[in-house]
Amino acid sequence: RGTSQNPDTFFQMQEARNGWYTACPGIVQAQMDRFAALTGRSYHLCDYYGHPEAERVIVIMGSGAETVHETVVALAAKGEKVGVVKVRLFRPFSVDALVGALPVTVRAIAVMDRTKELGAVGEPLYLDVVAALAEAKAAGRRPAAQDPVVIGGRYGLASKEFTPAMVKAVFDELAKSAPKPHFTVGINDVVTHLSL
């Protein structure tokens, strides 16, 4: 059971909620900090792992982030300038947390979504990352010398396997002068182009 609102008040009530969503990332981070004080395990809205001057970065959330993390550790140990941003809070999305997590040296980003949005320009995390980078640039909050290329990919639908070899293929795609703008991993064990 709930209330019924007519057009004269509904729109205003929808907009009145904005403040709560704006405050949410700060509240979540405060609780993450409290958790760290209690357990010694530290988490942030967006956590970065990898080479401190990474040029190629994968942005991802959920269980696939651990596969990317382990691959980044192995590749960075071989001297590759790669990294991963693990998104821990998706909505409301924190522009500052994402921009703060990305190394200023990044020149190419692959955003990995574990969903398929038929007919959309891209998947949800990809669209939020692209919008966040544009918003940060417009507000002068991104110190990077150049705009990174951002590509979007899908993986792991219906728990399809997502392996370190697939992650390596994504980093190889990012190393190209003109990486594919949209792709899928896990089909025939290659990065597959999907034009929209």
N, C-alpha and C. Protein backbone atom coordinates (compact mmCIF):
# COMPACT_ATOMS: atom_id res chain seq x y z
N ARG A 1 0.84 -1.18 0.00
CA ARG A 1 0.00 0.00 0.00
C ARG A 1 0.89 1.24 0.00
N GLY A 2 0.40 2.29 -0.61
CA GLY A 2 1.17 3.52 -0.64
C GLY A 2 0.29 4.68 -1.01
N THR A 3 0.93 5.75 -1.43
CA THR A 3 0.18 6.95 -1.76
C THR A 3 -0.10 6.99 -3.25
N SER A 4 -1.06 7.80 -3.61
CA SER A 4 -1.36 8.08 -5.01
C SER A 4 -1.13 9.57 -5.22
N GLN A 5 -0.32 9.89 -6.23
CA GLN A 5 0.00 11.30 -6.47
C GLN A 5 -0.50 11.71 -7.85
N ASN A 6 -1.09 12.84 -7.92
CA ASN A 6 -1.57 13.38 -9.17
C ASN A 6 -0.47 14.17 -9.86
N PRO A 7 -0.66 14.54 -11.13
CA PRO A 7 0.39 15.25 -11.87
C PRO A 7 0.85 16.55 -11.24
N ASP A 8 0.02 17.18 -10.43
CA ASP A 8 0.42 18.45 -9.83
C ASP A 8 1.51 18.30 -8.78
N THR A 9 1.69 17.09 -8.23
CA THR A 9 2.73 16.89 -7.21
C THR A 9 3.73 15.80 -7.54
N PHE A 10 3.39 14.88 -8.44
CA PHE A 10 4.26 13.72 -8.68
C PHE A 10 5.66 14.13 -9.14
N PHE A 11 5.74 15.02 -10.11
CA PHE A 11 7.04 15.43 -10.65
C PHE A 11 7.91 16.05 -9.55
N GLN A 12 7.32 16.93 -8.75
CA GLN A 12 8.06 17.57 -7.68
C GLN A 12 8.58 16.55 -6.67
N MET A 13 7.77 15.56 -6.36
CA MET A 13 8.18 14.54 -5.39
C MET A 13 9.32 13.68 -5.95
N GLN A 14 9.29 13.41 -7.25
CA GLN A 14 10.37 12.65 -7.86
C GLN A 14 11.70 13.41 -7.73
N GLU A 15 11.65 14.70 -8.03
CA GLU A 15 12.85 15.52 -7.96
C GLU A 15 13.31 15.76 -6.53
N ALA A 16 12.39 15.74 -5.58
CA ALA A 16 12.74 15.97 -4.18
C ALA A 16 13.63 14.87 -3.62
N ARG A 17 13.65 13.71 -4.28
CA ARG A 17 14.48 12.59 -3.81
C ARG A 17 15.94 12.74 -4.19
N ASN A 18 16.27 13.67 -5.09
CA ASN A 18 17.63 13.79 -5.60
C ASN A 18 18.68 13.92 -4.51
N GLY A 19 18.39 14.69 -3.48
CA GLY A 19 19.36 14.90 -2.41
C GLY A 19 19.78 13.62 -1.72
N TRP A 20 18.84 12.70 -1.56
CA TRP A 20 19.17 11.43 -0.91
C TRP A 20 20.13 10.62 -1.78
N TYR A 21 19.90 10.61 -3.08
CA TYR A 21 20.78 9.87 -3.98
C TYR A 21 22.15 10.53 -4.09
N THR A 22 22.18 11.86 -4.05
CA THR A 22 23.44 12.58 -4.09
C THR A 22 24.29 12.25 -2.86
N ALA A 23 23.64 12.11 -1.72
CA ALA A 23 24.34 11.82 -0.47
C ALA A 23 24.77 10.37 -0.34
N CYS A 24 24.13 9.48 -1.06
CA CYS A 24 24.35 8.04 -0.89
C CYS A 24 25.81 7.60 -1.05
N PRO A 25 26.55 8.00 -2.09
CA PRO A 25 27.95 7.54 -2.20
C PRO A 25 28.79 7.89 -0.98
N GLY A 26 28.62 9.07 -0.43
CA GLY A 26 29.38 9.46 0.76
C GLY A 26 29.02 8.60 1.97
N ILE A 27 27.76 8.28 2.09
CA ILE A 27 27.31 7.43 3.20
C ILE A 27 27.88 6.02 3.04
N VAL A 28 27.83 5.49 1.82
CA VAL A 28 28.36 4.14 1.57
C VAL A 28 29.87 4.12 1.86
N GLN A 29 30.60 5.16 1.40
CA GLN A 29 32.04 5.19 1.66
C GLN A 29 32.34 5.29 3.16
N ALA A 30 31.54 6.06 3.88
CA ALA A 30 31.73 6.16 5.33
C ALA A 30 31.56 4.80 6.00
N GLN A 31 30.58 4.02 5.54
CA GLN A 31 30.38 2.69 6.10
C GLN A 31 31.52 1.74 5.70
N MET A 32 32.03 1.91 4.46
CA MET A 32 33.19 1.11 4.04
C MET A 32 34.41 1.44 4.92
N ASP A 33 34.57 2.71 5.25
CA ASP A 33 35.68 3.12 6.12
C ASP A 33 35.50 2.55 7.52
N ARG A 34 34.28 2.53 8.00
CA ARG A 34 33.98 1.94 9.31
C ARG A 34 34.29 0.43 9.30
N PHE A 35 33.91 -0.23 8.22
CA PHE A 35 34.19 -1.65 8.05
C PHE A 35 35.71 -1.89 8.07
N ALA A 36 36.47 -1.01 7.40
CA ALA A 36 37.93 -1.15 7.36
C ALA A 36 38.53 -1.01 8.76
N ALA A 37 38.01 -0.08 9.54
CA ALA A 37 38.51 0.11 10.90
C ALA A 37 38.26 -1.11 11.77
N LEU A 38 37.14 -1.79 11.51
CA LEU A 38 36.79 -2.98 12.31
C LEU A 38 37.52 -4.23 11.85
N THR A 39 37.76 -4.37 10.56
CA THR A 39 38.28 -5.64 10.02
C THR A 39 39.68 -5.55 9.44
N GLY A 40 40.12 -4.33 9.08
CA GLY A 40 41.42 -4.19 8.41
C GLY A 40 41.34 -4.38 6.91
N ARG A 41 40.16 -4.68 6.39
CA ARG A 41 39.97 -4.82 4.93
C ARG A 41 39.36 -3.53 4.41
N SER A 42 40.06 -2.90 3.47
CA SER A 42 39.65 -1.59 2.98
C SER A 42 39.00 -1.69 1.61
N TYR A 43 37.85 -1.02 1.46
CA TYR A 43 37.14 -0.95 0.19
C TYR A 43 36.76 0.51 -0.09
N HIS A 44 36.65 0.82 -1.39
CA HIS A 44 36.24 2.15 -1.82
C HIS A 44 35.16 2.00 -2.89
N LEU A 45 34.50 3.09 -3.22
CA LEU A 45 33.46 3.03 -4.25
C LEU A 45 34.03 2.51 -5.56
N CYS A 46 35.25 2.91 -5.87
CA CYS A 46 36.02 2.38 -7.01
C CYS A 46 37.43 2.12 -6.53
N ASP A 47 37.91 0.90 -6.67
CA ASP A 47 39.26 0.54 -6.25
C ASP A 47 40.12 0.26 -7.48
N TYR A 48 41.34 0.82 -7.48
CA TYR A 48 42.28 0.59 -8.59
C TYR A 48 43.38 -0.36 -8.14
N TYR A 49 43.74 -1.28 -9.03
CA TYR A 49 44.87 -2.18 -8.82
C TYR A 49 45.64 -2.26 -10.13
N GLY A 50 46.95 -2.27 -10.04
CA GLY A 50 47.76 -2.41 -11.24
C GLY A 50 48.95 -1.48 -11.25
N HIS A 51 49.52 -1.33 -12.43
CA HIS A 51 50.69 -0.48 -12.64
C HIS A 51 50.32 0.96 -12.28
N PRO A 52 51.20 1.67 -11.53
CA PRO A 52 50.86 3.04 -11.16
C PRO A 52 50.76 4.01 -12.35
N GLU A 53 51.36 3.64 -13.48
CA GLU A 53 51.28 4.47 -14.69
C GLU A 53 50.63 3.68 -15.82
N ALA A 54 49.56 2.99 -15.50
CA ALA A 54 48.88 2.15 -16.49
C ALA A 54 48.38 2.95 -17.67
N GLU A 55 48.54 2.38 -18.85
CA GLU A 55 48.02 2.99 -20.08
C GLU A 55 46.73 2.31 -20.53
N ARG A 56 46.56 1.04 -20.15
CA ARG A 56 45.37 0.28 -20.52
C ARG A 56 44.70 -0.20 -19.24
N VAL A 57 43.39 0.10 -19.11
CA VAL A 57 42.66 -0.22 -17.89
C VAL A 57 41.33 -0.86 -18.25
N ILE A 58 40.96 -1.87 -17.48
CA ILE A 58 39.63 -2.47 -17.58
C ILE A 58 38.81 -1.99 -16.38
N VAL A 59 37.59 -1.52 -16.65
CA VAL A 59 36.65 -1.13 -15.60
C VAL A 59 35.59 -2.22 -15.55
N ILE A 60 35.34 -2.76 -14.37
CA ILE A 60 34.46 -3.91 -14.24
C ILE A 60 33.91 -3.97 -12.82
N MET A 61 32.82 -4.69 -12.63
CA MET A 61 32.30 -4.91 -11.28
C MET A 61 31.87 -6.37 -11.14
N GLY A 62 31.72 -6.80 -9.92
CA GLY A 62 31.28 -8.16 -9.66
C GLY A 62 32.41 -9.17 -9.68
N SER A 63 32.04 -10.44 -9.77
CA SER A 63 33.02 -11.52 -9.64
C SER A 63 34.07 -11.53 -10.75
N GLY A 64 33.73 -11.03 -11.94
CA GLY A 64 34.70 -10.98 -13.02
C GLY A 64 35.89 -10.10 -12.70
N ALA A 65 35.72 -9.16 -11.76
CA ALA A 65 36.81 -8.27 -11.39
C ALA A 65 37.99 -9.04 -10.80
N GLU A 66 37.73 -10.14 -10.14
CA GLU A 66 38.83 -10.92 -9.54
C GLU A 66 39.68 -11.59 -10.62
N THR A 67 39.03 -12.06 -11.68
CA THR A 67 39.78 -12.65 -12.80
C THR A 67 40.66 -11.59 -13.46
N VAL A 68 40.10 -10.39 -13.65
CA VAL A 68 40.88 -9.30 -14.23
C VAL A 68 42.03 -8.93 -13.31
N HIS A 69 41.76 -8.85 -12.01
CA HIS A 69 42.79 -8.49 -11.03
C HIS A 69 43.98 -9.45 -11.10
N GLU A 70 43.71 -10.73 -11.09
CA GLU A 70 44.79 -11.72 -11.13
C GLU A 70 45.58 -11.62 -12.43
N THR A 71 44.89 -11.35 -13.53
CA THR A 71 45.57 -11.19 -14.82
C THR A 71 46.42 -9.94 -14.83
N VAL A 72 45.92 -8.86 -14.24
CA VAL A 72 46.68 -7.62 -14.14
C VAL A 72 47.96 -7.84 -13.35
N VAL A 73 47.87 -8.57 -12.24
CA VAL A 73 49.06 -8.85 -11.43
C VAL A 73 50.11 -9.57 -12.26
N ALA A 74 49.68 -10.57 -13.04
CA ALA A 74 50.62 -11.34 -13.86
C ALA A 74 51.21 -10.49 -14.98
N LEU A 75 50.39 -9.70 -15.65
CA LEU A 75 50.88 -8.87 -16.76
C LEU A 75 51.77 -7.74 -16.27
N ALA A 76 51.42 -7.12 -15.16
CA ALA A 76 52.23 -6.04 -14.61
C ALA A 76 53.59 -6.56 -14.16
N ALA A 77 53.62 -7.79 -13.66
CA ALA A 77 54.90 -8.39 -13.26
C ALA A 77 55.82 -8.58 -14.46
N LYS A 78 55.25 -8.65 -15.66
CA LYS A 78 56.03 -8.77 -16.89
C LYS A 78 56.33 -7.41 -17.50
N GLY A 79 55.96 -6.33 -16.80
CA GLY A 79 56.26 -4.99 -17.27
C GLY A 79 55.18 -4.30 -18.06
N GLU A 80 54.02 -4.94 -18.21
CA GLU A 80 52.94 -4.29 -18.97
C GLU A 80 52.25 -3.26 -18.10
N LYS A 81 51.94 -2.12 -18.71
CA LYS A 81 51.30 -1.01 -18.00
C LYS A 81 49.78 -1.16 -18.08
N VAL A 82 49.26 -2.07 -17.24
CA VAL A 82 47.84 -2.38 -17.23
C VAL A 82 47.29 -2.24 -15.82
N GLY A 83 45.96 -2.08 -15.73
CA GLY A 83 45.31 -1.98 -14.43
C GLY A 83 43.84 -2.31 -14.52
N VAL A 84 43.21 -2.35 -13.36
CA VAL A 84 41.78 -2.63 -13.28
C VAL A 84 41.15 -1.69 -12.26
N VAL A 85 39.98 -1.16 -12.60
CA VAL A 85 39.16 -0.42 -11.64
C VAL A 85 37.97 -1.30 -11.32
N LYS A 86 37.86 -1.65 -10.03
CA LYS A 86 36.72 -2.43 -9.56
C LYS A 86 35.66 -1.47 -9.04
N VAL A 87 34.50 -1.45 -9.69
CA VAL A 87 33.40 -0.59 -9.27
C VAL A 87 32.62 -1.34 -8.19
N ARG A 88 32.54 -0.74 -7.00
CA ARG A 88 31.87 -1.39 -5.88
C ARG A 88 30.46 -0.82 -5.63
N LEU A 89 30.21 0.42 -6.10
CA LEU A 89 28.87 1.00 -6.01
C LEU A 89 28.49 1.47 -7.40
N PHE A 90 27.48 0.82 -7.98
CA PHE A 90 27.08 1.15 -9.34
C PHE A 90 26.09 2.30 -9.38
N ARG A 91 25.02 2.23 -8.62
CA ARG A 91 24.03 3.31 -8.60
C ARG A 91 23.74 3.69 -7.16
N PRO A 92 23.77 4.96 -6.81
CA PRO A 92 24.13 6.06 -7.69
C PRO A 92 25.62 6.01 -8.03
N PHE A 93 25.93 6.32 -9.28
CA PHE A 93 27.29 6.24 -9.77
C PHE A 93 28.08 7.47 -9.33
N SER A 94 29.30 7.25 -8.83
CA SER A 94 30.13 8.35 -8.34
C SER A 94 31.17 8.73 -9.39
N VAL A 95 30.98 9.88 -10.01
CA VAL A 95 31.93 10.39 -11.00
C VAL A 95 33.28 10.61 -10.34
N ASP A 96 33.28 11.23 -9.16
CA ASP A 96 34.54 11.53 -8.47
C ASP A 96 35.31 10.26 -8.11
N ALA A 97 34.61 9.22 -7.68
CA ALA A 97 35.28 7.98 -7.31
C ALA A 97 35.94 7.33 -8.53
N LEU A 98 35.23 7.32 -9.65
CA LEU A 98 35.82 6.74 -10.87
C LEU A 98 37.03 7.54 -11.33
N VAL A 99 36.88 8.84 -11.44
CA VAL A 99 37.97 9.69 -11.92
C VAL A 99 39.16 9.61 -10.97
N GLY A 100 38.90 9.56 -9.67
CA GLY A 100 39.97 9.45 -8.69
C GLY A 100 40.71 8.13 -8.74
N ALA A 101 40.03 7.09 -9.19
CA ALA A 101 40.65 5.76 -9.25
C ALA A 101 41.50 5.56 -10.50
N LEU A 102 41.16 6.25 -11.58
CA LEU A 102 41.89 6.05 -12.85
C LEU A 102 43.24 6.75 -12.83
N PRO A 103 44.31 6.05 -13.25
CA PRO A 103 45.60 6.72 -13.37
C PRO A 103 45.51 7.81 -14.45
N VAL A 104 46.23 8.91 -14.27
CA VAL A 104 46.18 9.99 -15.25
C VAL A 104 46.85 9.58 -16.56
N THR A 105 47.60 8.48 -16.54
CA THR A 105 48.32 8.01 -17.72
C THR A 105 47.48 7.15 -18.65
N VAL A 106 46.25 6.81 -18.24
CA VAL A 106 45.43 5.88 -19.03
C VAL A 106 45.12 6.47 -20.40
N ARG A 107 45.30 5.65 -21.43
CA ARG A 107 45.00 6.08 -22.80
C ARG A 107 43.91 5.24 -23.43
N ALA A 108 43.59 4.06 -22.86
CA ALA A 108 42.54 3.20 -23.39
C ALA A 108 41.86 2.45 -22.25
N ILE A 109 40.53 2.45 -22.28
CA ILE A 109 39.73 1.81 -21.23
C ILE A 109 38.75 0.85 -21.88
N ALA A 110 38.66 -0.35 -21.34
CA ALA A 110 37.62 -1.31 -21.73
C ALA A 110 36.67 -1.44 -20.55
N VAL A 111 35.41 -1.17 -20.77
CA VAL A 111 34.39 -1.30 -19.72
C VAL A 111 33.66 -2.61 -19.96
N MET A 112 33.70 -3.50 -18.99
CA MET A 112 33.13 -4.83 -19.14
C MET A 112 31.81 -4.93 -18.38
N ASP A 113 30.76 -5.28 -19.10
CA ASP A 113 29.43 -5.48 -18.52
C ASP A 113 29.05 -6.95 -18.62
N ARG A 114 28.37 -7.43 -17.60
CA ARG A 114 27.88 -8.81 -17.63
C ARG A 114 26.38 -8.81 -17.92
N THR A 115 26.04 -8.12 -19.01
CA THR A 115 24.65 -8.03 -19.44
C THR A 115 24.64 -7.64 -20.91
N LYS A 116 23.53 -7.87 -21.55
CA LYS A 116 23.35 -7.48 -22.94
C LYS A 116 22.08 -6.66 -23.03
N GLU A 117 22.22 -5.40 -23.47
CA GLU A 117 21.09 -4.51 -23.62
C GLU A 117 20.77 -4.40 -25.11
N LEU A 118 19.87 -5.21 -25.59
CA LEU A 118 19.55 -5.23 -27.02
C LEU A 118 19.07 -3.87 -27.50
N GLY A 119 19.67 -3.40 -28.58
CA GLY A 119 19.26 -2.15 -29.18
C GLY A 119 19.88 -0.91 -28.57
N ALA A 120 20.58 -1.05 -27.45
CA ALA A 120 21.19 0.11 -26.81
C ALA A 120 22.53 0.43 -27.46
N VAL A 121 23.00 1.65 -27.28
CA VAL A 121 24.31 2.07 -27.78
C VAL A 121 25.40 1.32 -27.03
N GLY A 122 25.16 0.97 -25.79
CA GLY A 122 26.11 0.23 -24.97
C GLY A 122 25.42 -0.28 -23.73
N GLU A 123 26.16 -1.04 -22.95
CA GLU A 123 25.61 -1.59 -21.72
C GLU A 123 25.69 -0.56 -20.58
N PRO A 124 25.00 -0.80 -19.46
CA PRO A 124 24.86 0.22 -18.40
C PRO A 124 26.16 0.77 -17.82
N LEU A 125 27.09 -0.10 -17.43
CA LEU A 125 28.33 0.40 -16.85
C LEU A 125 29.13 1.20 -17.87
N TYR A 126 29.17 0.71 -19.11
CA TYR A 126 29.87 1.41 -20.19
C TYR A 126 29.31 2.82 -20.36
N LEU A 127 27.99 2.94 -20.43
CA LEU A 127 27.36 4.24 -20.63
C LEU A 127 27.65 5.18 -19.45
N ASP A 128 27.63 4.65 -18.23
CA ASP A 128 27.92 5.49 -17.06
C ASP A 128 29.37 5.95 -17.05
N VAL A 129 30.30 5.08 -17.45
CA VAL A 129 31.71 5.47 -17.48
C VAL A 129 31.95 6.54 -18.53
N VAL A 130 31.38 6.38 -19.72
CA VAL A 130 31.53 7.38 -20.77
C VAL A 130 30.96 8.72 -20.30
N ALA A 131 29.77 8.70 -19.70
CA ALA A 131 29.15 9.93 -19.21
C ALA A 131 29.97 10.55 -18.08
N ALA A 132 30.49 9.72 -17.18
CA ALA A 132 31.28 10.23 -16.06
C ALA A 132 32.55 10.92 -16.54
N LEU A 133 33.23 10.32 -17.52
CA LEU A 133 34.45 10.94 -18.05
C LEU A 133 34.14 12.27 -18.74
N ALA A 134 33.04 12.31 -19.48
CA ALA A 134 32.65 13.56 -20.15
C ALA A 134 32.28 14.63 -19.14
N GLU A 135 31.53 14.24 -18.11
CA GLU A 135 31.13 15.21 -17.08
C GLU A 135 32.34 15.74 -16.32
N ALA A 136 33.27 14.84 -15.98
CA ALA A 136 34.48 15.25 -15.26
C ALA A 136 35.33 16.19 -16.10
N LYS A 137 35.43 15.90 -17.39
CA LYS A 137 36.21 16.76 -18.29
C LYS A 137 35.57 18.15 -18.38
N ALA A 138 34.25 18.19 -18.56
CA ALA A 138 33.55 19.47 -18.67
C ALA A 138 33.68 20.31 -17.41
N ALA A 139 33.79 19.64 -16.25
CA ALA A 139 33.91 20.35 -14.98
C ALA A 139 35.37 20.61 -14.60
N GLY A 140 36.30 20.16 -15.44
CA GLY A 140 37.72 20.36 -15.14
C GLY A 140 38.24 19.50 -14.01
N ARG A 141 37.61 18.34 -13.79
CA ARG A 141 38.00 17.46 -12.68
C ARG A 141 38.86 16.29 -13.12
N ARG A 142 39.25 16.24 -14.38
CA ARG A 142 40.06 15.13 -14.87
C ARG A 142 41.39 15.68 -15.37
N PRO A 143 42.49 15.35 -14.68
CA PRO A 143 43.78 15.94 -15.04
C PRO A 143 44.50 15.25 -16.20
N ALA A 144 43.93 14.25 -16.81
CA ALA A 144 44.61 13.52 -17.88
C ALA A 144 44.97 14.45 -19.04
N ALA A 145 46.12 14.19 -19.63
CA ALA A 145 46.59 15.02 -20.74
C ALA A 145 45.75 14.78 -21.99
N GLN A 146 45.25 13.58 -22.17
CA GLN A 146 44.44 13.27 -23.35
C GLN A 146 43.23 12.46 -22.94
N ASP A 147 42.21 12.50 -23.77
CA ASP A 147 41.02 11.70 -23.51
C ASP A 147 41.30 10.24 -23.86
N PRO A 148 41.03 9.34 -22.94
CA PRO A 148 41.24 7.93 -23.28
C PRO A 148 40.18 7.42 -24.25
N VAL A 149 40.55 6.46 -25.07
CA VAL A 149 39.59 5.74 -25.89
C VAL A 149 38.82 4.81 -24.94
N VAL A 150 37.49 4.78 -25.05
CA VAL A 150 36.68 3.92 -24.20
C VAL A 150 35.91 2.96 -25.08
N ILE A 151 36.10 1.66 -24.83
CA ILE A 151 35.38 0.64 -25.58
C ILE A 151 34.54 -0.18 -24.61
N GLY A 152 33.47 -0.79 -25.11
CA GLY A 152 32.57 -1.55 -24.25
C GLY A 152 32.50 -3.01 -24.64
N GLY A 153 32.51 -3.86 -23.64
CA GLY A 153 32.46 -5.29 -23.91
C GLY A 153 31.54 -6.04 -22.97
N ARG A 154 31.18 -7.21 -23.42
CA ARG A 154 30.33 -8.10 -22.64
C ARG A 154 31.07 -9.40 -22.35
N TYR A 155 30.75 -10.01 -21.21
CA TYR A 155 31.38 -11.27 -20.83
C TYR A 155 30.43 -12.03 -19.89
N GLY A 156 30.65 -13.31 -19.75
CA GLY A 156 30.06 -14.11 -18.69
C GLY A 156 28.56 -14.24 -18.63
N LEU A 157 27.84 -14.01 -19.74
CA LEU A 157 26.39 -14.17 -19.67
C LEU A 157 26.03 -15.62 -19.35
N ALA A 158 25.05 -15.79 -18.49
CA ALA A 158 24.62 -17.11 -18.01
C ALA A 158 25.78 -17.87 -17.39
N SER A 159 26.69 -17.13 -16.74
CA SER A 159 27.87 -17.69 -16.07
C SER A 159 28.83 -18.38 -17.02
N LYS A 160 28.84 -17.96 -18.29
CA LYS A 160 29.82 -18.49 -19.23
C LYS A 160 31.20 -18.15 -18.72
N GLU A 161 32.12 -19.07 -18.89
CA GLU A 161 33.46 -18.92 -18.34
C GLU A 161 34.13 -17.62 -18.79
N PHE A 162 34.85 -17.01 -17.86
CA PHE A 162 35.61 -15.77 -18.11
C PHE A 162 37.01 -16.02 -17.57
N THR A 163 37.97 -16.21 -18.46
CA THR A 163 39.30 -16.67 -18.08
C THR A 163 40.35 -15.57 -18.21
N PRO A 164 41.53 -15.79 -17.59
CA PRO A 164 42.63 -14.84 -17.77
C PRO A 164 43.04 -14.67 -19.24
N ALA A 165 42.92 -15.70 -20.05
CA ALA A 165 43.25 -15.59 -21.47
C ALA A 165 42.31 -14.60 -22.15
N MET A 166 41.05 -14.60 -21.76
CA MET A 166 40.08 -13.66 -22.31
C MET A 166 40.42 -12.23 -21.88
N VAL A 167 40.83 -12.07 -20.63
CA VAL A 167 41.23 -10.76 -20.13
C VAL A 167 42.44 -10.26 -20.91
N LYS A 168 43.39 -11.15 -21.14
CA LYS A 168 44.59 -10.79 -21.92
C LYS A 168 44.19 -10.34 -23.32
N ALA A 169 43.20 -11.01 -23.91
CA ALA A 169 42.72 -10.62 -25.24
C ALA A 169 42.13 -9.21 -25.23
N VAL A 170 41.45 -8.85 -24.14
CA VAL A 170 40.90 -7.51 -24.02
C VAL A 170 42.03 -6.48 -23.93
N PHE A 171 43.04 -6.77 -23.12
CA PHE A 171 44.19 -5.85 -23.03
C PHE A 171 44.91 -5.75 -24.37
N ASP A 172 45.00 -6.86 -25.11
CA ASP A 172 45.62 -6.82 -26.45
C ASP A 172 44.81 -5.93 -27.39
N GLU A 173 43.49 -5.99 -27.27
CA GLU A 173 42.63 -5.14 -28.10
C GLU A 173 42.87 -3.67 -27.76
N LEU A 174 43.00 -3.37 -26.48
CA LEU A 174 43.25 -1.99 -26.05
C LEU A 174 44.60 -1.47 -26.54
N ALA A 175 45.54 -2.36 -26.80
CA ALA A 175 46.87 -1.95 -27.27
C ALA A 175 46.87 -1.52 -28.73
N LYS A 176 45.82 -1.86 -29.47
CA LYS A 176 45.75 -1.51 -30.89
C LYS A 176 45.53 -0.01 -31.06
N SER A 177 45.96 0.51 -32.21
CA SER A 177 45.79 1.94 -32.47
C SER A 177 44.31 2.31 -32.65
N ALA A 178 43.50 1.37 -33.11
CA ALA A 178 42.06 1.60 -33.26
C ALA A 178 41.31 0.37 -32.75
N PRO A 179 41.14 0.27 -31.42
CA PRO A 179 40.43 -0.90 -30.89
C PRO A 179 38.96 -0.90 -31.29
N LYS A 180 38.37 -2.11 -31.33
CA LYS A 180 36.96 -2.25 -31.67
C LYS A 180 36.11 -1.53 -30.61
N PRO A 181 35.12 -0.77 -31.02
CA PRO A 181 34.34 -0.01 -30.03
C PRO A 181 33.44 -0.88 -29.16
N HIS A 182 32.96 -2.01 -29.68
CA HIS A 182 32.09 -2.90 -28.92
C HIS A 182 32.49 -4.33 -29.24
N PHE A 183 32.52 -5.17 -28.22
CA PHE A 183 32.98 -6.55 -28.43
C PHE A 183 32.38 -7.48 -27.39
N THR A 184 32.52 -8.77 -27.67
CA THR A 184 32.08 -9.81 -26.76
C THR A 184 33.24 -10.77 -26.54
N VAL A 185 33.45 -11.21 -25.30
CA VAL A 185 34.47 -12.22 -25.03
C VAL A 185 33.78 -13.51 -24.65
N GLY A 186 34.45 -14.62 -24.93
CA GLY A 186 33.91 -15.91 -24.55
C GLY A 186 33.20 -16.65 -25.65
N ILE A 187 33.19 -16.08 -26.87
CA ILE A 187 32.62 -16.79 -28.01
C ILE A 187 33.79 -17.20 -28.89
N ASN A 188 33.99 -18.49 -29.02
CA ASN A 188 35.14 -19.05 -29.74
C ASN A 188 36.47 -18.60 -29.12
N ASP A 189 36.43 -18.24 -27.82
CA ASP A 189 37.61 -17.86 -27.07
C ASP A 189 38.42 -16.74 -27.70
N VAL A 190 37.74 -15.79 -28.35
CA VAL A 190 38.41 -14.62 -28.91
C VAL A 190 37.57 -13.40 -28.60
N VAL A 191 38.19 -12.24 -28.76
CA VAL A 191 37.42 -11.01 -28.67
C VAL A 191 36.70 -10.86 -29.99
N THR A 192 35.40 -10.80 -29.97
CA THR A 192 34.59 -10.76 -31.18
C THR A 192 33.97 -9.39 -31.35
N HIS A 193 34.12 -8.83 -32.53
CA HIS A 193 33.53 -7.52 -32.82
C HIS A 193 32.04 -7.65 -32.99
N LEU A 194 31.32 -6.70 -32.45
CA LEU A 194 29.87 -6.65 -32.60
C LEU A 194 29.52 -5.23 -33.00
N SER A 195 29.15 -5.03 -34.23
CA SER A 195 28.84 -3.65 -34.66
C SER A 195 27.41 -3.33 -34.28
N LEU A 196 27.21 -2.08 -33.92
CA LEU A 196 25.87 -1.63 -33.54
C LEU A 196 25.36 -0.63 -34.53
